[in-house]
Amino acid sequence: MSQFQKNIFTSFFLLTILLTSSCAELDSHDKSYRFNDSITLYKNSLRWGQWTNLIQLQKPEPGADNTDFEDPAQYNLIKLQKIKVTHIEDIGTQMDSNEHNAKTIFLVEFHFDNSSVITPIHHTVNWWYDEENNLWFTNTALPKEFKLSEKQLKTIKLSPHKN
Protein backbone atom coordinates (compact mmCIF):
# COMPACT_ATOMS: atom_id res chain seq x y z
CA MET A 1 0.00 0.00 0.00
CA SER A 2 1.42 3.37 -1.02
CA GLN A 3 1.70 6.36 1.29
CA PHE A 4 -1.07 8.09 -0.68
CA GLN A 5 -3.44 5.14 -0.13
CA LYS A 6 -2.56 5.07 3.58
CA ASN A 7 -3.38 8.79 3.87
CA ILE A 8 -6.71 8.32 2.11
CA PHE A 9 -7.56 5.34 4.31
CA THR A 10 -6.57 7.25 7.47
CA SER A 11 -8.60 10.30 6.37
CA PHE A 12 -11.62 8.13 5.58
CA PHE A 13 -11.29 6.35 8.93
CA LEU A 14 -11.08 9.64 10.87
CA LEU A 15 -14.01 11.09 8.93
CA THR A 16 -16.10 8.01 9.73
CA ILE A 17 -15.31 8.30 13.44
CA LEU A 18 -16.10 12.02 13.40
CA LEU A 19 -19.45 11.51 11.66
CA THR A 20 -20.38 8.62 13.94
CA SER A 21 -19.62 10.63 17.07
CA SER A 22 -21.55 13.62 15.68
CA CYS A 23 -24.61 11.44 15.07
CA ALA A 24 -24.34 9.98 18.56
CA GLU A 25 -24.15 13.51 19.96
CA LEU A 26 -27.31 14.51 18.06
CA ASP A 27 -29.14 11.43 19.32
CA SER A 28 -28.22 12.13 22.93
CA HIS A 29 -29.55 15.69 22.59
CA ASP A 30 -32.68 14.74 20.69
CA LYS A 31 -34.71 14.71 23.92
CA SER A 32 -33.39 18.15 24.82
CA TYR A 33 -34.21 19.56 21.41
CA ARG A 34 -37.74 18.16 21.60
CA PHE A 35 -38.09 19.61 25.09
CA ASN A 36 -37.09 23.07 23.89
CA ASP A 37 -39.52 22.76 20.99
CA SER A 38 -42.32 21.87 23.44
CA ILE A 39 -41.52 24.88 25.63
CA THR A 40 -41.54 27.15 22.58
CA LEU A 41 -44.85 25.71 21.36
CA TYR A 42 -46.35 26.14 24.85
CA LYS A 43 -45.16 29.75 25.12
CA ASN A 44 -46.30 30.72 21.63
CA SER A 45 -49.67 29.00 22.02
CA LEU A 46 -50.31 30.72 25.32
CA ARG A 47 -49.12 34.10 24.05
CA TRP A 48 -51.28 34.07 20.93
CA GLY A 49 -54.33 32.29 22.35
CA GLN A 50 -53.88 29.16 20.27
CA TRP A 51 -55.66 27.05 22.85
CA THR A 52 -56.04 23.91 20.72
CA ASN A 53 -52.25 23.75 20.23
CA LEU A 54 -51.75 24.18 23.95
CA ILE A 55 -54.30 21.47 24.77
CA GLN A 56 -52.42 18.99 22.57
CA LEU A 57 -49.44 19.32 24.93
CA GLN A 58 -51.55 18.38 27.96
CA LYS A 59 -51.70 14.71 28.86
CA PRO A 60 -51.65 12.85 32.19
CA GLU A 61 -48.42 10.99 32.91
CA PRO A 62 -49.03 7.22 33.18
CA GLY A 63 -48.37 5.90 36.68
CA ALA A 64 -47.74 9.35 38.18
CA ASP A 65 -49.58 11.62 40.58
CA ASN A 66 -51.51 13.85 38.19
CA THR A 67 -53.16 16.06 40.79
CA ASP A 68 -52.45 19.19 38.71
CA PHE A 69 -53.97 17.66 35.58
CA GLU A 70 -57.27 19.01 34.38
CA ASP A 71 -58.94 17.27 31.46
CA PRO A 72 -58.58 19.66 28.50
CA ALA A 73 -61.94 18.45 27.21
CA GLN A 74 -63.45 20.42 30.10
CA TYR A 75 -61.98 23.73 28.90
CA ASN A 76 -64.42 26.21 27.43
CA LEU A 77 -62.58 27.57 24.39
CA ILE A 78 -65.00 30.50 24.05
CA LYS A 79 -64.18 31.61 27.59
CA LEU A 80 -60.45 31.10 27.02
CA GLN A 81 -60.59 33.44 24.03
CA LYS A 82 -61.39 36.26 26.46
CA ILE A 83 -57.87 35.91 27.92
CA LYS A 84 -55.22 38.06 26.27
CA VAL A 85 -51.62 37.24 27.17
CA THR A 86 -49.46 40.31 26.69
CA HIS A 87 -46.13 38.77 27.72
CA ILE A 88 -44.71 35.36 28.57
CA GLU A 89 -41.17 34.61 29.61
CA ASP A 90 -39.39 31.41 30.65
CA ILE A 91 -37.70 32.41 33.93
CA GLY A 92 -36.40 29.01 34.95
CA THR A 93 -36.21 25.40 33.82
CA GLN A 94 -34.99 22.33 35.66
CA MET A 95 -34.67 18.84 34.21
CA ASP A 96 -34.05 15.70 36.24
CA SER A 97 -30.86 13.73 35.69
CA ASN A 98 -32.46 11.01 33.54
CA GLU A 99 -34.19 13.64 31.34
CA HIS A 100 -37.63 12.14 31.96
CA ASN A 101 -39.24 14.95 33.96
CA ALA A 102 -38.75 18.70 33.97
CA LYS A 103 -40.25 21.85 35.38
CA THR A 104 -40.51 25.29 33.78
CA ILE A 105 -41.53 28.50 35.51
CA PHE A 106 -43.09 31.14 33.29
CA LEU A 107 -43.80 34.78 34.04
CA VAL A 108 -47.14 35.43 32.34
CA GLU A 109 -48.78 38.83 32.02
CA PHE A 110 -52.40 38.82 30.86
CA HIS A 111 -55.73 40.60 30.98
CA PHE A 112 -59.30 39.73 30.16
CA ASP A 113 -60.69 41.32 27.01
CA ASN A 114 -63.16 43.39 29.03
CA SER A 115 -60.43 44.86 31.26
CA SER A 116 -57.29 46.88 30.86
CA VAL A 117 -55.76 45.60 34.10
CA ILE A 118 -52.70 43.50 33.33
CA THR A 119 -52.11 40.75 35.86
CA PRO A 120 -48.64 39.16 36.26
CA ILE A 121 -48.48 35.57 37.51
CA HIS A 122 -45.89 32.84 37.89
CA HIS A 123 -47.04 29.66 36.17
CA THR A 124 -45.15 26.44 36.91
CA VAL A 125 -45.45 23.74 34.25
CA ASN A 126 -44.46 20.13 34.95
CA TRP A 127 -43.24 18.18 31.93
CA TRP A 128 -42.81 14.46 31.32
CA TYR A 129 -41.18 12.59 28.45
CA ASP A 130 -43.17 10.01 26.50
CA GLU A 131 -40.57 7.46 25.37
CA GLU A 132 -42.96 5.69 23.01
CA ASN A 133 -43.81 8.80 21.00
CA ASN A 134 -40.53 10.66 21.61
CA LEU A 135 -42.49 13.73 22.76
CA TRP A 136 -42.76 15.94 25.85
CA PHE A 137 -46.14 16.55 27.50
CA THR A 138 -47.36 18.51 30.47
CA ASN A 139 -49.77 17.29 33.11
CA THR A 140 -50.24 20.83 34.47
CA ALA A 141 -53.56 22.61 34.12
CA LEU A 142 -53.86 26.14 32.84
CA PRO A 143 -53.29 28.78 35.53
CA LYS A 144 -56.13 29.05 38.04
CA GLU A 145 -56.11 32.80 37.37
CA PHE A 146 -57.48 32.04 33.89
CA LYS A 147 -60.76 30.86 35.38
CA LEU A 148 -63.30 33.54 34.60
CA SER A 149 -65.96 34.62 37.02
CA GLU A 150 -69.44 35.60 35.81
CA LYS A 151 -68.45 39.26 36.20
CA GLN A 152 -65.41 38.73 33.96
CA LEU A 153 -67.54 36.99 31.35
CA LYS A 154 -69.64 40.08 30.78
CA THR A 155 -68.54 42.24 27.90
CA ILE A 156 -68.24 45.98 27.99
CA LYS A 157 -71.06 47.72 26.14
CA LEU A 158 -69.84 50.71 24.20
CA SER A 159 -73.28 51.96 23.24
CA PRO A 160 -75.46 53.83 25.77
CA HIS A 161 -78.53 52.20 24.20
CA LYS A 162 -80.05 49.24 25.96
CA ASN A 163 -80.42 46.06 23.99
C-alpha atoms as a PDB file:
ATOM      1  CA  MET A   1       0.000   0.000   0.000  1.00  0.00           C
ATOM      2  CA  SER A   2       1.416   3.369  -1.017  1.00  0.00           C
ATOM      3  CA  GLN A   3       1.697   6.361   1.295  1.00  0.00           C
ATOM      4  CA  PHE A   4      -1.073   8.086  -0.675  1.00  0.00           C
ATOM      5  CA  GLN A   5      -3.436   5.141  -0.130  1.00  0.00           C
ATOM      6  CA  LYS A   6      -2.556   5.074   3.584  1.00  0.00           C
ATOM      7  CA  ASN A   7      -3.378   8.795   3.874  1.00  0.00           C
ATOM      8  CA  ILE A   8      -6.712   8.315   2.109  1.00  0.00           C
ATOM      9  CA  PHE A   9      -7.556   5.344   4.312  1.00  0.00           C
ATOM     10  CA  THR A  10      -6.575   7.254   7.470  1.00  0.00           C
ATOM     11  CA  SER A  11      -8.599  10.302   6.373  1.00  0.00           C
ATOM     12  CA  PHE A  12     -11.616   8.131   5.576  1.00  0.00           C
ATOM     13  CA  PHE A  13     -11.292   6.352   8.933  1.00  0.00           C
ATOM     14  CA  LEU A  14     -11.079   9.643  10.870  1.00  0.00           C
ATOM     15  CA  LEU A  15     -14.007  11.091   8.926  1.00  0.00           C
ATOM     16  CA  THR A  16     -16.103   8.012   9.728  1.00  0.00           C
ATOM     17  CA  ILE A  17     -15.306   8.303  13.445  1.00  0.00           C
ATOM     18  CA  LEU A  18     -16.098  12.025  13.398  1.00  0.00           C
ATOM     19  CA  LEU A  19     -19.453  11.507  11.657  1.00  0.00           C
ATOM     20  CA  THR A  20     -20.381   8.620  13.939  1.00  0.00           C
ATOM     21  CA  SER A  21     -19.624  10.633  17.065  1.00  0.00           C
ATOM     22  CA  SER A  22     -21.554  13.616  15.683  1.00  0.00           C
ATOM     23  CA  CYS A  23     -24.606  11.438  15.065  1.00  0.00           C
ATOM     24  CA  ALA A  24     -24.342   9.985  18.561  1.00  0.00           C
ATOM     25  CA  GLU A  25     -24.151  13.514  19.958  1.00  0.00           C
ATOM     26  CA  LEU A  26     -27.305  14.510  18.060  1.00  0.00           C
ATOM     27  CA  ASP A  27     -29.145  11.428  19.322  1.00  0.00           C
ATOM     28  CA  SER A  28     -28.224  12.127  22.926  1.00  0.00           C
ATOM     29  CA  HIS A  29     -29.554  15.693  22.593  1.00  0.00           C
ATOM     30  CA  ASP A  30     -32.684  14.738  20.694  1.00  0.00           C
ATOM     31  CA  LYS A  31     -34.708  14.707  23.923  1.00  0.00           C
ATOM     32  CA  SER A  32     -33.392  18.151  24.823  1.00  0.00           C
ATOM     33  CA  TYR A  33     -34.213  19.559  21.406  1.00  0.00           C
ATOM     34  CA  ARG A  34     -37.736  18.161  21.601  1.00  0.00           C
ATOM     35  CA  PHE A  35     -38.095  19.613  25.093  1.00  0.00           C
ATOM     36  CA  ASN A  36     -37.085  23.072  23.894  1.00  0.00           C
ATOM     37  CA  ASP A  37     -39.522  22.757  20.994  1.00  0.00           C
ATOM     38  CA  SER A  38     -42.318  21.872  23.435  1.00  0.00           C
ATOM     39  CA  ILE A  39     -41.520  24.879  25.632  1.00  0.00           C
ATOM     40  CA  THR A  40     -41.536  27.147  22.578  1.00  0.00           C
ATOM     41  CA  LEU A  41     -44.848  25.715  21.365  1.00  0.00           C
ATOM     42  CA  TYR A  42     -46.352  26.145  24.853  1.00  0.00           C
ATOM     43  CA  LYS A  43     -45.164  29.748  25.122  1.00  0.00           C
ATOM     44  CA  ASN A  44     -46.305  30.721  21.633  1.00  0.00           C
ATOM     45  CA  SER A  45     -49.666  28.998  22.015  1.00  0.00           C
ATOM     46  CA  LEU A  46     -50.307  30.720  25.323  1.00  0.00           C
ATOM     47  CA  ARG A  47     -49.118  34.098  24.045  1.00  0.00           C
ATOM     48  CA  TRP A  48     -51.282  34.073  20.928  1.00  0.00           C
ATOM     49  CA  GLY A  49     -54.326  32.293  22.351  1.00  0.00           C
ATOM     50  CA  GLN A  50     -53.877  29.158  20.266  1.00  0.00           C
ATOM     51  CA  TRP A  51     -55.656  27.050  22.846  1.00  0.00           C
ATOM     52  CA  THR A  52     -56.043  23.907  20.720  1.00  0.00           C
ATOM     53  CA  ASN A  53     -52.255  23.754  20.229  1.00  0.00           C
ATOM     54  CA  LEU A  54     -51.754  24.176  23.954  1.00  0.00           C
ATOM     55  CA  ILE A  55     -54.297  21.471  24.771  1.00  0.00           C
ATOM     56  CA  GLN A  56     -52.419  18.989  22.573  1.00  0.00           C
ATOM     57  CA  LEU A  57     -49.439  19.317  24.927  1.00  0.00           C
ATOM     58  CA  GLN A  58     -51.546  18.380  27.965  1.00  0.00           C
ATOM     59  CA  LYS A  59     -51.703  14.708  28.860  1.00  0.00           C
ATOM     60  CA  PRO A  60     -51.645  12.846  32.193  1.00  0.00           C
ATOM     61  CA  GLU A  61     -48.422  10.987  32.908  1.00  0.00           C
ATOM     62  CA  PRO A  62     -49.034   7.217  33.185  1.00  0.00           C
ATOM     63  CA  GLY A  63     -48.374   5.905  36.683  1.00  0.00           C
ATOM     64  CA  ALA A  64     -47.743   9.350  38.181  1.00  0.00           C
ATOM     65  CA  ASP A  65     -49.578  11.620  40.576  1.00  0.00           C
ATOM     66  CA  ASN A  66     -51.509  13.846  38.187  1.00  0.00           C
ATOM     67  CA  THR A  67     -53.162  16.063  40.789  1.00  0.00           C
ATOM     68  CA  ASP A  68     -52.447  19.186  38.708  1.00  0.00           C
ATOM     69  CA  PHE A  69     -53.968  17.660  35.585  1.00  0.00           C
ATOM     70  CA  GLU A  70     -57.274  19.006  34.379  1.00  0.00           C
ATOM     71  CA  ASP A  71     -58.941  17.267  31.462  1.00  0.00           C
ATOM     72  CA  PRO A  72     -58.576  19.660  28.501  1.00  0.00           C
ATOM     73  CA  ALA A  73     -61.943  18.447  27.210  1.00  0.00           C
ATOM     74  CA  GLN A  74     -63.448  20.424  30.105  1.00  0.00           C
ATOM     75  CA  TYR A  75     -61.984  23.726  28.898  1.00  0.00           C
ATOM     76  CA  ASN A  76     -64.415  26.209  27.431  1.00  0.00           C
ATOM     77  CA  LEU A  77     -62.581  27.572  24.385  1.00  0.00           C
ATOM     78  CA  ILE A  78     -65.003  30.496  24.050  1.00  0.00           C
ATOM     79  CA  LYS A  79     -64.178  31.614  27.592  1.00  0.00           C
ATOM     80  CA  LEU A  80     -60.449  31.098  27.025  1.00  0.00           C
ATOM     81  CA  GLN A  81     -60.587  33.438  24.025  1.00  0.00           C
ATOM     82  CA  LYS A  82     -61.389  36.265  26.460  1.00  0.00           C
ATOM     83  CA  ILE A  83     -57.873  35.907  27.916  1.00  0.00           C
ATOM     84  CA  LYS A  84     -55.222  38.061  26.271  1.00  0.00           C
ATOM     85  CA  VAL A  85     -51.623  37.238  27.171  1.00  0.00           C
ATOM     86  CA  THR A  86     -49.458  40.310  26.685  1.00  0.00           C
ATOM     87  CA  HIS A  87     -46.132  38.767  27.718  1.00  0.00           C
ATOM     88  CA  ILE A  88     -44.709  35.356  28.567  1.00  0.00           C
ATOM     89  CA  GLU A  89     -41.174  34.609  29.610  1.00  0.00           C
ATOM     90  CA  ASP A  90     -39.389  31.411  30.651  1.00  0.00           C
ATOM     91  CA  ILE A  91     -37.704  32.414  33.926  1.00  0.00           C
ATOM     92  CA  GLY A  92     -36.397  29.007  34.951  1.00  0.00           C
ATOM     93  CA  THR A  93     -36.206  25.404  33.817  1.00  0.00           C
ATOM     94  CA  GLN A  94     -34.991  22.326  35.661  1.00  0.00           C
ATOM     95  CA  MET A  95     -34.674  18.837  34.211  1.00  0.00           C
ATOM     96  CA  ASP A  96     -34.052  15.701  36.241  1.00  0.00           C
ATOM     97  CA  SER A  97     -30.864  13.734  35.687  1.00  0.00           C
ATOM     98  CA  ASN A  98     -32.458  11.013  33.540  1.00  0.00           C
ATOM     99  CA  GLU A  99     -34.195  13.637  31.342  1.00  0.00           C
ATOM    100  CA  HIS A 100     -37.626  12.140  31.961  1.00  0.00           C
ATOM    101  CA  ASN A 101     -39.240  14.954  33.963  1.00  0.00           C
ATOM    102  CA  ALA A 102     -38.746  18.700  33.969  1.00  0.00           C
ATOM    103  CA  LYS A 103     -40.251  21.853  35.383  1.00  0.00           C
ATOM    104  CA  THR A 104     -40.507  25.285  33.779  1.00  0.00           C
ATOM    105  CA  ILE A 105     -41.525  28.496  35.505  1.00  0.00           C
ATOM    106  CA  PHE A 106     -43.085  31.141  33.295  1.00  0.00           C
ATOM    107  CA  LEU A 107     -43.799  34.777  34.042  1.00  0.00           C
ATOM    108  CA  VAL A 108     -47.143  35.430  32.344  1.00  0.00           C
ATOM    109  CA  GLU A 109     -48.783  38.835  32.018  1.00  0.00           C
ATOM    110  CA  PHE A 110     -52.400  38.824  30.863  1.00  0.00           C
ATOM    111  CA  HIS A 111     -55.725  40.602  30.985  1.00  0.00           C
ATOM    112  CA  PHE A 112     -59.302  39.730  30.156  1.00  0.00           C
ATOM    113  CA  ASP A 113     -60.688  41.319  27.007  1.00  0.00           C
ATOM    114  CA  ASN A 114     -63.158  43.395  29.032  1.00  0.00           C
ATOM    115  CA  SER A 115     -60.435  44.861  31.265  1.00  0.00           C
ATOM    116  CA  SER A 116     -57.294  46.884  30.856  1.00  0.00           C
ATOM    117  CA  VAL A 117     -55.755  45.599  34.100  1.00  0.00           C
ATOM    118  CA  ILE A 118     -52.697  43.502  33.327  1.00  0.00           C
ATOM    119  CA  THR A 119     -52.110  40.746  35.860  1.00  0.00           C
ATOM    120  CA  PRO A 120     -48.643  39.164  36.256  1.00  0.00           C
ATOM    121  CA  ILE A 121     -48.478  35.575  37.512  1.00  0.00           C
ATOM    122  CA  HIS A 122     -45.888  32.843  37.887  1.00  0.00           C
ATOM    123  CA  HIS A 123     -47.040  29.665  36.166  1.00  0.00           C
ATOM    124  CA  THR A 124     -45.146  26.437  36.908  1.00  0.00           C
ATOM    125  CA  VAL A 125     -45.451  23.743  34.251  1.00  0.00           C
ATOM    126  CA  ASN A 126     -44.464  20.134  34.954  1.00  0.00           C
ATOM    127  CA  TRP A 127     -43.245  18.176  31.934  1.00  0.00           C
ATOM    128  CA  TRP A 128     -42.808  14.456  31.322  1.00  0.00           C
ATOM    129  CA  TYR A 129     -41.184  12.595  28.450  1.00  0.00           C
ATOM    130  CA  ASP A 130     -43.173  10.007  26.496  1.00  0.00           C
ATOM    131  CA  GLU A 131     -40.567   7.460  25.365  1.00  0.00           C
ATOM    132  CA  GLU A 132     -42.965   5.689  23.013  1.00  0.00           C
ATOM    133  CA  ASN A 133     -43.815   8.801  20.996  1.00  0.00           C
ATOM    134  CA  ASN A 134     -40.534  10.656  21.610  1.00  0.00           C
ATOM    135  CA  LEU A 135     -42.489  13.733  22.765  1.00  0.00           C
ATOM    136  CA  TRP A 136     -42.764  15.938  25.846  1.00  0.00           C
ATOM    137  CA  PHE A 137     -46.140  16.550  27.502  1.00  0.00           C
ATOM    138  CA  THR A 138     -47.361  18.511  30.471  1.00  0.00           C
ATOM    139  CA  ASN A 139     -49.766  17.295  33.112  1.00  0.00           C
ATOM    140  CA  THR A 140     -50.235  20.833  34.474  1.00  0.00           C
ATOM    141  CA  ALA A 141     -53.561  22.608  34.118  1.00  0.00           C
ATOM    142  CA  LEU A 142     -53.860  26.141  32.839  1.00  0.00           C
ATOM    143  CA  PRO A 143     -53.287  28.783  35.526  1.00  0.00           C
ATOM    144  CA  LYS A 144     -56.128  29.055  38.044  1.00  0.00           C
ATOM    145  CA  GLU A 145     -56.108  32.803  37.372  1.00  0.00           C
ATOM    146  CA  PHE A 146     -57.475  32.042  33.888  1.00  0.00           C
ATOM    147  CA  LYS A 147     -60.756  30.859  35.376  1.00  0.00           C
ATOM    148  CA  LEU A 148     -63.298  33.541  34.596  1.00  0.00           C
ATOM    149  CA  SER A 149     -65.964  34.625  37.023  1.00  0.00           C
ATOM    150  CA  GLU A 150     -69.436  35.597  35.805  1.00  0.00           C
ATOM    151  CA  LYS A 151     -68.448  39.257  36.196  1.00  0.00           C
ATOM    152  CA  GLN A 152     -65.411  38.732  33.960  1.00  0.00           C
ATOM    153  CA  LEU A 153     -67.542  36.988  31.347  1.00  0.00           C
ATOM    154  CA  LYS A 154     -69.638  40.081  30.777  1.00  0.00           C
ATOM    155  CA  THR A 155     -68.538  42.242  27.900  1.00  0.00           C
ATOM    156  CA  ILE A 156     -68.243  45.982  27.987  1.00  0.00           C
ATOM    157  CA  LYS A 157     -71.063  47.719  26.143  1.00  0.00           C
ATOM    158  CA  LEU A 158     -69.836  50.714  24.203  1.00  0.00           C
ATOM    159  CA  SER A 159     -73.277  51.956  23.245  1.00  0.00           C
ATOM    160  CA  PRO A 160     -75.461  53.825  25.766  1.00  0.00           C
ATOM    161  CA  HIS A 161     -78.532  52.205  24.196  1.00  0.00           C
ATOM    162  CA  LYS A 162     -80.050  49.235  25.963  1.00  0.00           C
ATOM    163  CA  ASN A 163     -80.423  46.063  23.987  1.00  0.00           C
END
